[in-house]
Amino acid sequence: MKIDSNRILDSKEEFKKGNPFPHLILDDFLDETFAQKLSAEFPLIGDNGLFQYDNPLELKSALNDWNKFPQHTYTFFRHLCSDKVVNHFSELVGVQLFADPGLHGGGWHLHQNGGRLNPHLDYNIHPKVGLQRKLNLIIYLPETWEEHWGGHFGLWSHDPETDGPKKLEKEVAIKFNRAVLFDTTHHSWHGLSQAVNTPNGEVRKSLAIYYLCEPPKGTENRQRALYAPNESQKGDEKIAELIKKRADNVQYNTSYIVKDEKK
């Protein structure tokens, strides 16, 4: 279960130089046997405990309820929230981080066939504790995954003229026990660069946790994710309105499930 902190810290310069924003890609992130145990504990798509997102911007299932996590998943998230792990990640990014035991936005993420996630910026200020989201850790855990099934993790550069994503700079293929670490405070546009196209009910499984820091003075108080249209959605007024609602701290919960007439 133990994370190889020395390996992460040895990659500090690589992290800082990541393009289009600081990030690391680490294969064989966990002991393989333990990673297999984590993978086996994921629920099936359609499980009543999962929270569903189904709208033109995102199609995924998620769960962040500790009481519903099986033994190995529960133990691992506890480890990720430990002072030892948090302090190592703090050294990586150069600021003091804090764990989010509430796993706001984290936990299990599952993308089934057709799964999608438009380019977006994560929330900037945690809506419960007022801290800034600083570091994302995502671990991919589908044991059988073929690259042509898509679901790649995309990293986009920022366009200061439009204040949106400019260019898809990098795609990271999904691979069992591959982890991605990235700094969310650099106009860090990310998402699925390709929709999921899987046979026989195969699911893109990932486990995610976010670490927080004290917000610098003048930090934008964005408490919900800000999405951008994909290429086929640009200029669509309904999509623009959905993006606005999804980012609104009052209306966001009315946008999670929206029928897409174009699907």
Protein backbone atom coordinates (compact mmCIF):
# COMPACT_ATOMS: atom_id res chain seq x y z
CA MET A 1 0.00 0.00 0.00
CA LYS A 2 2.87 2.36 0.77
CA ILE A 3 3.48 5.16 -1.73
CA ASP A 4 7.10 5.56 -2.85
CA SER A 5 7.53 9.13 -1.63
CA ASN A 6 11.22 9.24 -2.54
CA ARG A 7 10.38 8.47 -6.17
CA ILE A 8 7.90 11.34 -6.21
CA LEU A 9 10.27 13.82 -4.60
CA ASP A 10 13.08 12.79 -6.93
CA SER A 11 10.77 13.87 -9.77
CA LYS A 12 10.19 17.36 -8.36
CA GLU A 13 11.93 19.15 -11.24
CA GLU A 14 10.08 17.06 -13.81
CA PHE A 15 6.83 18.00 -12.07
CA LYS A 16 7.63 21.71 -12.15
CA LYS A 17 8.55 21.63 -15.86
CA GLY A 18 5.43 19.77 -16.91
CA ASN A 19 3.68 21.24 -19.95
CA PRO A 20 1.12 22.84 -20.15
CA PHE A 21 1.07 22.91 -16.34
CA PRO A 22 3.03 21.14 -13.60
CA HIS A 23 2.32 17.40 -13.59
CA LEU A 24 3.80 13.93 -13.23
CA ILE A 25 2.90 10.59 -14.77
CA LEU A 26 3.98 7.62 -12.66
CA ASP A 27 3.53 4.01 -13.78
CA ASP A 28 3.45 1.09 -11.34
CA PHE A 29 2.43 3.58 -8.69
CA LEU A 30 1.38 1.00 -6.09
CA ASP A 31 2.34 -2.55 -5.27
CA GLU A 32 0.62 -4.52 -8.03
CA THR A 33 -1.16 -6.93 -5.70
CA PHE A 34 -2.61 -4.08 -3.66
CA ALA A 35 -3.63 -2.21 -6.82
CA GLN A 36 -5.49 -5.34 -7.94
CA LYS A 37 -7.31 -5.44 -4.61
CA LEU A 38 -8.35 -1.80 -5.03
CA SER A 39 -9.57 -2.50 -8.57
CA ALA A 40 -11.63 -5.48 -7.44
CA GLU A 41 -13.50 -3.35 -4.87
CA PHE A 42 -15.01 -0.93 -7.39
CA PRO A 43 -18.80 -1.24 -7.68
CA LEU A 44 -20.59 -2.07 -10.90
CA ILE A 45 -22.05 0.64 -13.11
CA GLY A 46 -25.67 1.05 -12.05
CA ASP A 47 -24.98 0.42 -8.36
CA ASN A 48 -27.56 2.38 -6.36
CA GLY A 49 -24.85 3.92 -4.20
CA LEU A 50 -23.17 5.72 -7.09
CA PHE A 51 -23.81 9.38 -7.89
CA GLN A 52 -24.59 9.89 -11.57
CA TYR A 53 -23.49 12.69 -13.88
CA ASP A 54 -25.20 12.52 -17.27
CA ASN A 55 -25.25 15.70 -19.31
CA PRO A 56 -23.58 16.99 -22.50
CA LEU A 57 -20.44 17.94 -20.53
CA GLU A 58 -19.88 14.74 -18.55
CA LEU A 59 -21.00 11.14 -18.33
CA LYS A 60 -19.60 9.35 -15.31
CA SER A 61 -20.47 7.74 -11.97
CA ALA A 62 -18.81 8.59 -8.67
CA LEU A 63 -18.82 7.78 -4.97
CA ASN A 64 -17.04 9.49 -2.07
CA ASP A 65 -18.88 7.98 0.92
CA TRP A 66 -16.38 6.43 3.34
CA ASN A 67 -19.10 4.22 4.84
CA LYS A 68 -19.54 2.50 1.48
CA PHE A 69 -15.85 1.90 0.79
CA PRO A 70 -14.67 -1.71 1.27
CA GLN A 71 -11.66 -2.50 3.46
CA HIS A 72 -8.74 -1.87 1.11
CA THR A 73 -10.20 1.28 -0.44
CA TYR A 74 -11.05 2.70 3.00
CA THR A 75 -7.55 1.91 4.29
CA PHE A 76 -5.89 3.46 1.24
CA PHE A 77 -7.81 6.73 1.43
CA ARG A 78 -6.94 6.89 5.12
CA HIS A 79 -3.28 6.49 4.15
CA LEU A 80 -3.58 9.24 1.52
CA CYS A 81 -4.93 11.59 4.19
CA SER A 82 -2.11 10.82 6.64
CA ASP A 83 0.32 13.53 7.74
CA LYS A 84 3.25 11.62 6.25
CA VAL A 85 1.78 11.51 2.74
CA VAL A 86 0.45 15.08 2.93
CA ASN A 87 3.86 16.40 4.00
CA HIS A 88 5.62 14.63 1.12
CA PHE A 89 3.19 16.12 -1.38
CA SER A 90 3.67 19.51 0.28
CA GLU A 91 7.38 19.24 -0.42
CA LEU A 92 6.63 18.40 -4.04
CA VAL A 93 4.53 21.53 -4.68
CA GLY A 94 6.42 23.85 -2.32
CA VAL A 95 3.50 24.88 -0.09
CA GLN A 96 1.88 23.35 2.97
CA LEU A 97 -0.99 21.13 1.90
CA PHE A 98 -3.98 19.82 3.83
CA ALA A 99 -5.90 16.63 3.19
CA ASP A 100 -9.63 16.78 2.45
CA PRO A 101 -11.13 13.90 4.49
CA GLY A 102 -14.51 14.73 2.96
CA LEU A 103 -13.14 13.70 -0.47
CA HIS A 104 -15.10 16.55 -2.05
CA GLY A 105 -15.02 15.73 -5.77
CA GLY A 106 -12.83 12.68 -5.10
CA GLY A 107 -13.29 9.01 -4.33
CA TRP A 108 -14.24 6.48 -6.99
CA HIS A 109 -14.81 7.68 -10.57
CA LEU A 110 -16.18 5.33 -13.23
CA HIS A 111 -16.64 6.01 -16.96
CA GLN A 112 -18.67 3.46 -18.87
CA ASN A 113 -19.00 3.09 -22.64
CA GLY A 114 -19.73 6.58 -23.98
CA GLY A 115 -18.17 8.21 -20.91
CA ARG A 116 -17.00 11.77 -21.42
CA LEU A 117 -15.60 14.72 -19.51
CA ASN A 118 -15.17 18.05 -21.27
CA PRO A 119 -12.11 20.22 -20.66
CA HIS A 120 -12.61 21.97 -17.34
CA LEU A 121 -11.01 23.74 -14.41
CA ASP A 122 -11.65 22.20 -11.02
CA TYR A 123 -13.20 24.34 -8.33
CA ASN A 124 -10.68 26.81 -6.97
CA ILE A 125 -12.00 27.33 -3.42
CA HIS A 126 -13.41 24.42 -1.43
CA PRO A 127 -17.07 25.28 -0.75
CA LYS A 128 -16.95 23.89 2.80
CA VAL A 129 -13.57 24.85 4.25
CA GLY A 130 -12.50 27.86 2.15
CA LEU A 131 -9.11 26.41 1.17
CA GLN A 132 -7.74 26.35 -2.36
CA ARG A 133 -7.54 23.09 -4.29
CA LYS A 134 -3.85 22.73 -5.15
CA LEU A 135 -2.94 19.16 -6.07
CA ASN A 136 -4.85 16.34 -7.75
CA LEU A 137 -3.86 12.69 -7.55
CA ILE A 138 -5.60 10.27 -9.91
CA ILE A 139 -4.81 6.55 -10.04
CA TYR A 140 -6.15 4.47 -12.94
CA LEU A 141 -7.25 0.97 -11.99
CA PRO A 142 -8.90 -0.91 -14.88
CA GLU A 143 -6.97 -4.19 -15.06
CA THR A 144 -7.83 -4.83 -18.69
CA TRP A 145 -7.67 -1.72 -20.84
CA GLU A 146 -6.74 -1.28 -24.48
CA GLU A 147 -5.53 2.08 -25.73
CA HIS A 148 -8.00 2.20 -28.63
CA TRP A 149 -10.84 2.22 -26.11
CA GLY A 150 -10.06 5.91 -25.57
CA GLY A 151 -10.77 7.73 -22.33
CA HIS A 152 -7.34 9.37 -22.48
CA PHE A 153 -6.54 12.04 -19.88
CA GLY A 154 -6.03 15.33 -21.73
CA LEU A 155 -4.09 18.44 -20.71
CA TRP A 156 -4.89 21.71 -22.48
CA SER A 157 -3.00 25.00 -22.55
CA HIS A 158 -4.77 28.21 -21.51
CA ASP A 159 -5.87 30.93 -23.90
CA PRO A 160 -5.70 34.29 -22.07
CA GLU A 161 -7.75 35.97 -24.81
CA THR A 162 -10.79 33.71 -24.39
CA ASP A 163 -10.02 32.64 -20.80
CA GLY A 164 -10.60 29.06 -21.93
CA PRO A 165 -8.63 26.05 -23.18
CA LYS A 166 -6.44 26.76 -26.20
CA LYS A 167 -4.72 23.60 -27.41
CA LEU A 168 -4.64 19.95 -26.41
CA GLU A 169 -0.97 19.70 -25.48
CA LYS A 170 -0.80 16.17 -24.12
CA GLU A 171 -2.81 12.96 -23.94
CA VAL A 172 -2.14 10.30 -21.31
CA ALA A 173 -3.38 6.84 -22.20
CA ILE A 174 -5.17 4.89 -19.49
CA LYS A 175 -3.09 2.10 -17.99
CA PHE A 176 -3.56 -0.07 -14.92
CA ASN A 177 -1.75 1.31 -11.85
CA ARG A 178 -0.73 4.53 -13.65
CA ALA A 179 -0.99 7.71 -11.57
CA VAL A 180 -1.23 11.33 -12.62
CA LEU A 181 -0.36 14.17 -10.25
CA PHE A 182 -1.03 17.75 -11.31
CA ASP A 183 -1.21 21.27 -9.94
CA THR A 184 -4.69 22.71 -10.42
CA THR A 185 -3.73 26.36 -9.90
CA HIS A 186 -2.15 27.11 -13.30
CA HIS A 187 -5.27 27.45 -15.48
CA SER A 188 -5.07 23.67 -15.53
CA TRP A 189 -7.58 22.67 -18.19
CA HIS A 190 -8.02 18.90 -18.16
CA GLY A 191 -10.55 16.21 -18.98
CA LEU A 192 -11.07 13.25 -21.28
CA SER A 193 -9.55 14.03 -24.66
CA GLN A 194 -11.38 11.03 -26.13
CA ALA A 195 -14.74 9.56 -25.22
CA VAL A 196 -14.73 6.04 -23.78
CA ASN A 197 -15.54 3.36 -26.35
CA THR A 198 -15.46 -0.01 -24.61
CA PRO A 199 -16.89 -3.46 -25.38
CA ASN A 200 -18.55 -5.93 -23.03
CA GLY A 201 -19.19 -3.50 -20.18
CA GLU A 202 -15.54 -2.62 -19.57
CA VAL A 203 -15.24 0.44 -17.32
CA ARG A 204 -12.59 3.15 -16.95
CA LYS A 205 -11.91 3.05 -13.19
CA SER A 206 -10.03 5.75 -11.33
CA LEU A 207 -9.46 6.74 -7.75
CA ALA A 208 -8.94 10.42 -6.94
CA ILE A 209 -8.06 12.65 -4.04
CA TYR A 210 -7.35 16.37 -3.85
CA TYR A 211 -5.08 18.32 -1.53
CA LEU A 212 -5.72 21.89 -0.41
CA CYS A 213 -3.68 24.92 0.62
CA GLU A 214 -4.24 28.38 2.03
CA PRO A 215 -5.45 30.56 -0.86
CA PRO A 216 -3.06 33.35 -1.84
CA LYS A 217 -4.42 36.85 -1.50
CA GLY A 218 -6.69 37.76 -4.41
CA THR A 219 -7.46 34.15 -5.38
CA GLU A 220 -10.61 33.78 -7.47
CA ASN A 221 -13.47 32.40 -5.38
CA ARG A 222 -14.70 29.75 -7.84
CA GLN A 223 -16.41 27.01 -5.83
CA ARG A 224 -17.58 24.80 -8.71
CA ALA A 225 -15.94 23.33 -11.79
CA LEU A 226 -15.81 25.53 -14.88
CA TYR A 227 -16.32 23.61 -18.12
CA ALA A 228 -15.57 24.50 -21.71
CA PRO A 229 -17.43 23.31 -24.80
CA ASN A 230 -15.82 20.63 -26.94
CA GLU A 231 -15.23 21.38 -30.62
CA SER A 232 -18.72 20.26 -31.72
CA GLN A 233 -20.39 22.35 -29.00
CA LYS A 234 -18.78 25.71 -29.67
CA GLY A 235 -21.36 28.38 -30.44
CA ASP A 236 -24.22 26.31 -28.95
CA GLU A 237 -26.24 28.61 -26.68
CA LYS A 238 -27.75 25.71 -24.71
CA ILE A 239 -24.27 24.39 -23.93
CA ALA A 240 -23.12 27.86 -22.87
CA GLU A 241 -26.10 28.12 -20.52
CA LEU A 242 -25.41 24.65 -19.09
CA ILE A 243 -21.77 25.59 -18.46
CA LYS A 244 -22.91 28.71 -16.65
CA LYS A 245 -25.33 26.75 -14.45
CA ARG A 246 -22.74 24.01 -13.77
CA ALA A 247 -20.34 26.66 -12.40
CA ASP A 248 -22.95 28.50 -10.35
CA ASN A 249 -22.81 27.85 -6.61
CA VAL A 250 -26.61 27.79 -6.38
CA GLN A 251 -27.75 26.20 -9.65
CA TYR A 252 -24.98 23.60 -10.08
CA ASN A 253 -27.06 20.70 -8.71
CA THR A 254 -29.70 21.15 -11.41
CA SER A 255 -27.13 20.50 -14.15
CA TYR A 256 -25.82 17.05 -13.20
CA ILE A 257 -28.43 15.14 -15.23
CA VAL A 258 -29.61 16.90 -18.38
CA LYS A 259 -30.98 15.18 -21.47
CA ASP A 260 -28.70 15.73 -24.44
CA GLU A 261 -30.88 15.96 -27.54
CA LYS A 262 -27.83 15.41 -29.73
CA LYS A 263 -26.84 12.09 -28.14
